[in-house]
N, C-alpha and C. Protein backbone atom coordinates (compact mmCIF):
# COMPACT_ATOMS: atom_id res chain seq x y z
N MET A 1 90.58 83.10 99.23
CA MET A 1 90.74 84.53 99.03
C MET A 1 91.90 84.76 98.06
N PRO A 2 91.67 85.55 97.00
CA PRO A 2 92.74 85.76 96.01
C PRO A 2 93.91 86.55 96.59
N LEU A 3 95.06 86.26 96.05
CA LEU A 3 96.28 86.93 96.46
C LEU A 3 96.27 88.36 95.94
N SER A 4 96.65 89.31 96.78
CA SER A 4 96.75 90.71 96.37
C SER A 4 98.00 91.30 97.03
N ALA A 5 98.45 92.43 96.51
CA ALA A 5 99.63 93.09 97.09
C ALA A 5 99.35 93.45 98.55
N ASN A 6 98.14 93.92 98.83
CA ASN A 6 97.80 94.30 100.19
C ASN A 6 97.78 93.09 101.13
N ARG A 7 97.29 91.96 100.63
CA ARG A 7 97.27 90.74 101.44
C ARG A 7 98.70 90.27 101.73
N ILE A 8 99.57 90.33 100.74
CA ILE A 8 100.98 89.97 100.96
C ILE A 8 101.58 90.90 102.01
N TRP A 9 101.30 92.19 101.89
CA TRP A 9 101.80 93.20 102.83
C TRP A 9 101.39 92.85 104.26
N ARG A 10 100.12 92.50 104.45
CA ARG A 10 99.62 92.16 105.79
C ARG A 10 100.31 90.94 106.37
N GLN A 11 100.71 90.00 105.52
CA GLN A 11 101.32 88.75 105.98
C GLN A 11 102.81 88.89 106.30
N LEU A 12 103.42 89.97 105.86
CA LEU A 12 104.86 90.14 106.08
C LEU A 12 105.17 90.37 107.55
N PRO A 13 106.30 89.87 108.00
CA PRO A 13 106.76 90.22 109.36
C PRO A 13 107.00 91.72 109.46
N ASN A 14 106.81 92.27 110.64
CA ASN A 14 106.95 93.71 110.84
C ASN A 14 108.31 94.23 110.38
N GLU A 15 109.39 93.48 110.63
CA GLU A 15 110.72 93.98 110.26
C GLU A 15 110.85 94.18 108.74
N ILE A 16 110.18 93.35 107.96
CA ILE A 16 110.22 93.52 106.51
C ILE A 16 109.37 94.73 106.11
N ARG A 17 108.21 94.91 106.75
CA ARG A 17 107.39 96.09 106.46
C ARG A 17 108.14 97.37 106.82
N VAL A 18 108.88 97.34 107.92
CA VAL A 18 109.69 98.51 108.32
C VAL A 18 110.76 98.78 107.27
N SER A 19 111.45 97.74 106.82
CA SER A 19 112.50 97.90 105.81
C SER A 19 111.92 98.47 104.51
N ALA A 20 110.79 97.92 104.06
CA ALA A 20 110.15 98.41 102.84
C ALA A 20 109.68 99.85 103.01
N SER A 21 109.14 100.18 104.17
CA SER A 21 108.66 101.54 104.44
C SER A 21 109.82 102.53 104.45
N ASN A 22 110.93 102.11 105.02
CA ASN A 22 112.12 102.95 105.06
C ASN A 22 112.59 103.28 103.64
N LEU A 23 112.62 102.26 102.78
CA LEU A 23 113.03 102.49 101.39
C LEU A 23 112.10 103.48 100.71
N PHE A 24 110.79 103.33 100.94
CA PHE A 24 109.80 104.19 100.31
C PHE A 24 109.99 105.65 100.74
N TRP A 25 110.12 105.89 102.04
CA TRP A 25 110.18 107.26 102.54
C TRP A 25 111.55 107.91 102.35
N THR A 26 112.59 107.14 102.07
CA THR A 26 113.90 107.75 101.86
C THR A 26 114.18 108.03 100.39
N GLU A 27 113.27 107.57 99.50
CA GLU A 27 113.40 107.91 98.08
C GLU A 27 113.25 109.43 97.94
N PRO A 28 114.11 110.08 97.15
CA PRO A 28 114.01 111.54 97.01
C PRO A 28 112.68 111.98 96.39
N THR A 29 112.21 111.25 95.41
CA THR A 29 110.92 111.59 94.81
C THR A 29 110.13 110.31 94.61
N ASN A 30 108.90 110.40 94.96
CA ASN A 30 108.02 109.25 94.76
C ASN A 30 106.62 109.80 94.56
N GLU A 31 106.12 109.63 93.35
CA GLU A 31 104.81 110.19 93.00
C GLU A 31 103.68 109.60 93.83
N GLN A 32 103.92 108.47 94.46
CA GLN A 32 102.86 107.84 95.25
C GLN A 32 102.84 108.28 96.71
N LYS A 33 103.76 109.16 97.09
CA LYS A 33 103.80 109.60 98.48
C LYS A 33 102.49 110.28 98.89
N GLN A 34 101.90 111.09 98.02
CA GLN A 34 100.67 111.78 98.38
C GLN A 34 99.54 110.79 98.62
N LEU A 35 99.46 109.75 97.82
CA LEU A 35 98.45 108.72 98.02
C LEU A 35 98.65 108.02 99.36
N LEU A 36 99.90 107.75 99.71
CA LEU A 36 100.18 107.11 100.99
C LEU A 36 99.91 108.06 102.15
N VAL A 37 100.21 109.33 101.98
CA VAL A 37 99.91 110.32 103.02
C VAL A 37 98.42 110.29 103.34
N ALA A 38 97.58 110.27 102.31
CA ALA A 38 96.13 110.23 102.52
C ALA A 38 95.72 108.94 103.23
N ALA A 39 96.30 107.81 102.83
CA ALA A 39 95.97 106.54 103.46
C ALA A 39 96.40 106.50 104.92
N LEU A 40 97.58 107.06 105.22
CA LEU A 40 98.06 107.08 106.60
C LEU A 40 97.22 108.01 107.47
N ALA A 41 96.81 109.14 106.91
CA ALA A 41 95.96 110.06 107.66
C ALA A 41 94.66 109.37 108.04
N LYS A 42 94.07 108.68 107.09
CA LYS A 42 92.82 107.97 107.36
C LYS A 42 93.02 106.85 108.38
N ALA A 43 94.07 106.06 108.20
CA ALA A 43 94.33 104.92 109.09
C ALA A 43 94.64 105.36 110.52
N ASN A 44 95.28 106.52 110.67
CA ASN A 44 95.67 106.99 111.99
C ASN A 44 94.74 108.06 112.55
N ASN A 45 93.68 108.33 111.80
CA ASN A 45 92.66 109.30 112.22
C ASN A 45 93.29 110.67 112.55
N VAL A 46 94.16 111.12 111.64
CA VAL A 46 94.78 112.44 111.77
C VAL A 46 94.63 113.18 110.44
N ARG A 47 94.90 114.47 110.46
CA ARG A 47 94.82 115.26 109.23
C ARG A 47 96.05 115.00 108.37
N GLU A 48 95.86 115.17 107.05
CA GLU A 48 96.98 114.94 106.13
C GLU A 48 98.16 115.85 106.43
N ILE A 49 97.90 117.06 106.85
CA ILE A 49 98.99 118.00 107.16
C ILE A 49 99.86 117.44 108.28
N SER A 50 99.25 116.74 109.23
CA SER A 50 100.01 116.13 110.33
C SER A 50 100.92 115.03 109.80
N VAL A 51 100.44 114.29 108.83
CA VAL A 51 101.26 113.23 108.25
C VAL A 51 102.41 113.85 107.46
N ARG A 52 102.10 114.88 106.65
CA ARG A 52 103.17 115.51 105.85
C ARG A 52 104.26 116.13 106.72
N ARG A 53 103.89 116.58 107.90
CA ARG A 53 104.85 117.22 108.81
C ARG A 53 105.55 116.23 109.74
N ALA A 54 105.12 114.99 109.71
CA ALA A 54 105.70 113.98 110.62
C ALA A 54 107.15 113.69 110.24
N PRO A 55 107.97 113.42 111.24
CA PRO A 55 109.37 113.07 110.95
C PRO A 55 109.44 111.71 110.23
N PRO A 56 110.50 111.49 109.48
CA PRO A 56 110.64 110.23 108.73
C PRO A 56 110.43 108.98 109.58
N ALA A 57 110.96 108.96 110.80
CA ALA A 57 110.81 107.77 111.65
C ALA A 57 109.34 107.47 111.92
N ARG A 58 108.54 108.49 112.12
CA ARG A 58 107.11 108.27 112.37
C ARG A 58 106.41 107.79 111.10
N LEU A 59 106.79 108.38 109.95
CA LEU A 59 106.19 107.95 108.68
C LEU A 59 106.48 106.46 108.41
N ILE A 60 107.72 106.07 108.68
CA ILE A 60 108.12 104.68 108.49
C ILE A 60 107.32 103.78 109.43
N SER A 61 107.23 104.17 110.68
CA SER A 61 106.49 103.39 111.67
C SER A 61 105.02 103.27 111.30
N TRP A 62 104.40 104.39 110.94
CA TRP A 62 102.98 104.37 110.56
C TRP A 62 102.75 103.49 109.34
N THR A 63 103.64 103.61 108.35
CA THR A 63 103.48 102.82 107.13
C THR A 63 103.59 101.33 107.44
N ALA A 64 104.60 100.96 108.20
CA ALA A 64 104.80 99.55 108.54
C ALA A 64 103.63 99.00 109.36
N ALA A 65 103.04 99.82 110.20
CA ALA A 65 101.95 99.37 111.07
C ALA A 65 100.59 99.38 110.37
N THR A 66 100.49 100.04 109.23
CA THR A 66 99.21 100.11 108.52
C THR A 66 99.06 98.86 107.67
N LEU A 67 98.12 98.02 108.06
CA LEU A 67 97.96 96.73 107.40
C LEU A 67 96.97 96.75 106.25
N SER A 68 96.33 97.88 106.06
CA SER A 68 95.39 97.99 104.95
C SER A 68 95.76 99.23 104.13
N LEU A 69 96.55 98.99 103.11
CA LEU A 69 97.00 100.07 102.23
C LEU A 69 96.36 99.89 100.86
N PRO A 70 96.27 100.97 100.08
CA PRO A 70 95.81 100.80 98.70
C PRO A 70 96.75 99.81 97.99
N ASP A 71 96.17 98.92 97.17
CA ASP A 71 96.98 97.90 96.49
C ASP A 71 98.13 98.51 95.70
N GLN A 72 97.91 99.66 95.09
CA GLN A 72 98.95 100.33 94.31
C GLN A 72 100.16 100.66 95.19
N ILE A 73 99.90 101.14 96.41
CA ILE A 73 100.99 101.48 97.33
C ILE A 73 101.66 100.20 97.84
N ALA A 74 100.87 99.21 98.24
CA ALA A 74 101.44 97.95 98.72
C ALA A 74 102.30 97.32 97.63
N ASN A 75 101.84 97.37 96.39
CA ASN A 75 102.61 96.83 95.27
C ASN A 75 103.95 97.56 95.12
N ASN A 76 103.92 98.88 95.22
CA ASN A 76 105.14 99.68 95.11
C ASN A 76 106.10 99.37 96.25
N LEU A 77 105.58 99.25 97.46
CA LEU A 77 106.43 98.92 98.61
C LEU A 77 107.09 97.56 98.42
N LEU A 78 106.32 96.58 97.98
CA LEU A 78 106.86 95.25 97.75
C LEU A 78 107.92 95.25 96.65
N GLN A 79 107.62 95.94 95.55
CA GLN A 79 108.56 96.00 94.43
C GLN A 79 109.88 96.63 94.85
N ASP A 80 109.81 97.77 95.52
CA ASP A 80 111.04 98.45 95.95
C ASP A 80 111.85 97.58 96.92
N TYR A 81 111.14 96.94 97.84
CA TYR A 81 111.81 96.07 98.81
C TYR A 81 112.50 94.90 98.10
N LEU A 82 111.78 94.24 97.21
CA LEU A 82 112.36 93.10 96.49
C LEU A 82 113.56 93.52 95.66
N LEU A 83 113.45 94.63 94.95
CA LEU A 83 114.58 95.08 94.12
C LEU A 83 115.78 95.47 94.97
N HIS A 84 115.54 95.99 96.15
CA HIS A 84 116.64 96.42 97.01
C HIS A 84 117.26 95.26 97.79
N ASP A 85 116.41 94.43 98.42
CA ASP A 85 116.91 93.40 99.32
C ASP A 85 117.00 91.99 98.71
N HIS A 86 116.32 91.75 97.60
CA HIS A 86 116.30 90.41 97.03
C HIS A 86 116.56 90.39 95.52
N ARG A 87 117.37 91.31 95.07
CA ARG A 87 117.67 91.38 93.64
C ARG A 87 118.31 90.08 93.14
N ALA A 88 119.15 89.46 93.95
CA ALA A 88 119.80 88.21 93.54
C ALA A 88 118.76 87.11 93.30
N THR A 89 117.70 87.11 94.10
CA THR A 89 116.62 86.14 93.92
C THR A 89 115.92 86.39 92.59
N ILE A 90 115.65 87.65 92.29
CA ILE A 90 115.00 88.03 91.04
C ILE A 90 115.86 87.60 89.86
N VAL A 91 117.13 87.93 89.92
CA VAL A 91 118.07 87.57 88.84
C VAL A 91 118.11 86.06 88.67
N SER A 92 118.17 85.34 89.77
CA SER A 92 118.22 83.88 89.71
C SER A 92 116.98 83.31 89.01
N TYR A 93 115.81 83.82 89.35
CA TYR A 93 114.58 83.31 88.74
C TYR A 93 114.53 83.63 87.24
N LEU A 94 114.89 84.86 86.88
CA LEU A 94 114.88 85.23 85.46
C LEU A 94 115.87 84.39 84.67
N GLU A 95 117.00 84.08 85.26
CA GLU A 95 117.99 83.25 84.58
C GLU A 95 117.52 81.80 84.47
N LEU A 96 116.80 81.31 85.48
CA LEU A 96 116.22 79.97 85.39
C LEU A 96 115.27 79.87 84.20
N LEU A 97 114.58 80.96 83.92
CA LEU A 97 113.63 81.00 82.82
C LEU A 97 114.27 81.40 81.49
N GLY A 98 115.52 81.85 81.53
CA GLY A 98 116.18 82.29 80.31
C GLY A 98 115.63 83.61 79.78
N ILE A 99 115.14 84.45 80.69
CA ILE A 99 114.57 85.74 80.30
C ILE A 99 115.69 86.78 80.25
N PRO A 100 115.84 87.48 79.13
CA PRO A 100 116.87 88.53 79.07
C PRO A 100 116.51 89.67 80.04
N HIS A 101 117.52 90.09 80.79
CA HIS A 101 117.28 91.13 81.80
C HIS A 101 118.55 91.94 82.02
N SER A 102 118.34 93.06 82.66
CA SER A 102 119.46 93.90 83.06
C SER A 102 119.38 94.04 84.58
N ASP A 103 120.19 93.26 85.28
CA ASP A 103 120.23 93.27 86.74
C ASP A 103 118.84 93.11 87.37
N GLY A 104 118.06 92.18 86.82
CA GLY A 104 116.75 91.87 87.38
C GLY A 104 115.58 92.60 86.74
N MET A 105 115.86 93.51 85.83
CA MET A 105 114.79 94.24 85.14
C MET A 105 114.64 93.61 83.75
N ILE A 106 113.46 93.03 83.49
CA ILE A 106 113.22 92.33 82.23
C ILE A 106 113.37 93.31 81.07
N GLU A 107 114.12 92.87 80.06
CA GLU A 107 114.35 93.73 78.90
C GLU A 107 113.05 94.00 78.16
N GLU A 108 112.90 95.24 77.75
CA GLU A 108 111.73 95.65 77.00
C GLU A 108 111.63 94.84 75.72
N GLY A 109 110.44 94.48 75.38
CA GLY A 109 110.24 93.73 74.16
C GLY A 109 110.18 92.22 74.35
N PHE A 110 110.56 91.74 75.53
CA PHE A 110 110.47 90.30 75.76
C PHE A 110 109.00 89.93 75.92
N ASP A 111 108.56 88.92 75.21
CA ASP A 111 107.16 88.49 75.24
C ASP A 111 106.96 87.47 76.35
N LEU A 112 106.41 87.94 77.48
CA LEU A 112 106.17 87.05 78.62
C LEU A 112 105.17 85.95 78.28
N ALA A 113 104.29 86.23 77.34
CA ALA A 113 103.28 85.23 76.94
C ALA A 113 103.92 84.01 76.28
N SER A 114 105.19 84.14 75.86
CA SER A 114 105.87 83.01 75.23
C SER A 114 106.37 81.98 76.24
N LEU A 115 106.23 82.28 77.53
CA LEU A 115 106.72 81.36 78.56
C LEU A 115 105.71 80.24 78.79
N PRO A 116 106.13 78.99 78.60
CA PRO A 116 105.22 77.87 78.86
C PRO A 116 104.94 77.73 80.36
N LYS A 117 103.71 77.39 80.68
CA LYS A 117 103.27 77.23 82.07
C LYS A 117 104.20 76.30 82.86
N GLU A 118 104.55 75.17 82.28
CA GLU A 118 105.38 74.19 82.97
C GLU A 118 106.75 74.77 83.30
N ARG A 119 107.31 75.53 82.39
CA ARG A 119 108.63 76.13 82.60
C ARG A 119 108.59 77.14 83.74
N VAL A 120 107.53 77.96 83.77
CA VAL A 120 107.36 78.97 84.83
C VAL A 120 107.24 78.26 86.18
N GLN A 121 106.45 77.21 86.22
CA GLN A 121 106.25 76.48 87.47
C GLN A 121 107.50 75.72 87.90
N ASP A 122 108.19 75.09 86.97
CA ASP A 122 109.43 74.37 87.31
C ASP A 122 110.48 75.33 87.86
N ALA A 123 110.61 76.48 87.24
CA ALA A 123 111.57 77.48 87.72
C ALA A 123 111.16 77.97 89.11
N ALA A 124 109.86 78.12 89.35
CA ALA A 124 109.38 78.54 90.67
C ALA A 124 109.72 77.50 91.73
N ARG A 125 109.51 76.23 91.40
CA ARG A 125 109.86 75.14 92.34
C ARG A 125 111.35 75.16 92.64
N THR A 126 112.16 75.32 91.61
CA THR A 126 113.61 75.36 91.79
C THR A 126 114.01 76.54 92.68
N LEU A 127 113.39 77.70 92.42
CA LEU A 127 113.71 78.88 93.23
C LEU A 127 113.32 78.66 94.69
N LEU A 128 112.15 78.11 94.93
CA LEU A 128 111.70 77.85 96.30
C LEU A 128 112.64 76.90 97.02
N ALA A 129 113.15 75.92 96.31
CA ALA A 129 114.05 74.93 96.92
C ALA A 129 115.45 75.50 97.16
N SER A 130 115.83 76.53 96.41
CA SER A 130 117.20 77.03 96.49
C SER A 130 117.36 78.32 97.29
N THR A 131 116.26 78.94 97.71
CA THR A 131 116.38 80.18 98.47
C THR A 131 115.82 79.99 99.87
N THR A 132 116.23 80.89 100.74
CA THR A 132 115.71 80.86 102.10
C THR A 132 114.53 81.82 102.19
N PRO A 133 113.52 81.42 102.95
CA PRO A 133 112.37 82.32 103.10
C PRO A 133 112.83 83.61 103.76
N PRO A 134 112.21 84.73 103.53
CA PRO A 134 111.00 84.87 102.73
C PRO A 134 111.27 85.31 101.30
N GLY A 135 112.53 85.53 100.94
CA GLY A 135 112.87 86.10 99.63
C GLY A 135 112.22 85.45 98.43
N GLY A 136 112.48 84.16 98.22
CA GLY A 136 111.95 83.47 97.04
C GLY A 136 110.44 83.42 97.04
N GLU A 137 109.85 83.03 98.17
CA GLU A 137 108.39 82.93 98.25
C GLU A 137 107.74 84.30 98.08
N LEU A 138 108.30 85.31 98.71
CA LEU A 138 107.75 86.66 98.58
C LEU A 138 107.80 87.13 97.13
N TYR A 139 108.91 86.91 96.46
CA TYR A 139 109.03 87.32 95.06
C TYR A 139 108.01 86.59 94.19
N LEU A 140 107.85 85.30 94.41
CA LEU A 140 106.89 84.54 93.61
C LEU A 140 105.45 84.99 93.88
N LYS A 141 105.13 85.30 95.12
CA LYS A 141 103.79 85.83 95.43
C LYS A 141 103.58 87.17 94.73
N TYR A 142 104.63 88.00 94.74
CA TYR A 142 104.55 89.29 94.06
C TYR A 142 104.27 89.08 92.57
N LEU A 143 104.93 88.10 91.95
CA LEU A 143 104.70 87.83 90.53
C LEU A 143 103.26 87.37 90.28
N VAL A 144 102.73 86.53 91.17
CA VAL A 144 101.35 86.05 91.01
C VAL A 144 100.40 87.24 90.95
N VAL A 145 100.61 88.22 91.80
CA VAL A 145 99.76 89.41 91.84
C VAL A 145 99.84 90.18 90.51
N GLN A 146 100.98 90.10 89.84
CA GLN A 146 101.15 90.81 88.56
C GLN A 146 100.31 90.17 87.45
N GLY A 147 99.90 88.93 87.66
CA GLY A 147 99.01 88.26 86.70
C GLY A 147 99.74 87.76 85.46
N GLY A 148 98.99 87.62 84.40
CA GLY A 148 99.55 87.13 83.14
C GLY A 148 100.14 85.75 83.30
N PRO A 149 101.32 85.53 82.69
CA PRO A 149 101.93 84.20 82.76
C PRO A 149 102.36 83.81 84.17
N TRP A 150 102.46 84.80 85.06
CA TRP A 150 102.91 84.53 86.42
C TRP A 150 101.82 83.91 87.30
N SER A 151 100.57 84.02 86.90
CA SER A 151 99.48 83.53 87.76
C SER A 151 99.58 82.03 88.02
N VAL A 152 100.22 81.27 87.12
CA VAL A 152 100.35 79.82 87.30
C VAL A 152 101.28 79.46 88.45
N ILE A 153 102.06 80.41 88.93
CA ILE A 153 102.98 80.16 90.04
C ILE A 153 102.19 79.84 91.31
N GLU A 154 101.00 80.41 91.44
CA GLU A 154 100.22 80.19 92.65
C GLU A 154 99.99 78.70 92.93
N GLU A 155 99.93 77.91 91.88
CA GLU A 155 99.71 76.47 92.03
C GLU A 155 100.87 75.75 92.70
N VAL A 156 102.06 76.34 92.69
CA VAL A 156 103.23 75.68 93.28
C VAL A 156 103.68 76.33 94.59
N LEU A 157 103.01 77.41 94.99
CA LEU A 157 103.37 78.07 96.24
C LEU A 157 102.98 77.18 97.43
N PRO A 158 103.76 77.26 98.51
CA PRO A 158 103.39 76.50 99.70
C PRO A 158 101.99 76.94 100.17
N THR A 159 101.21 75.98 100.62
CA THR A 159 99.87 76.30 101.10
C THR A 159 99.93 76.75 102.55
N GLY A 160 98.86 77.37 102.96
CA GLY A 160 98.80 77.83 104.34
C GLY A 160 98.39 79.27 104.40
N ASP A 161 99.31 80.18 104.03
CA ASP A 161 98.99 81.60 104.13
C ASP A 161 99.04 82.32 102.78
N SER A 162 99.07 81.60 101.68
CA SER A 162 99.18 82.26 100.39
C SER A 162 97.90 82.62 99.79
């Protein structure tokens, strides 16, 4: 089964899903909130108005407990969580690859296609060996889902649940 943001979301421990959900719902503005409101209403068999009126704690709980989210939302939740809780892991990986970045955000104009497969995989192996789960592995799975030059990382990920 191919790796997807939603599949990664389902495999996360509940405490990480709660942390990611908390980040999502405490953002002052998030254009994807309406999409998530609709998904939560469907998943919980309630009307959207009930979801919009729910207190933040309930929204966080519902989001963390919903194991089937639109990939776009799951991707956003993962990205926000990684940038907030594992930025050092991101920075470390980008530096292993020599990619110019600003605090973990790849500089515009950098050609990802210029990265040799072996270099991407070697850096992934180094990151996996130097970080504690789930940070490094989660970040690498997230990159695989992004495709392009990152798809070769899947070959070096630990087998089992990836």
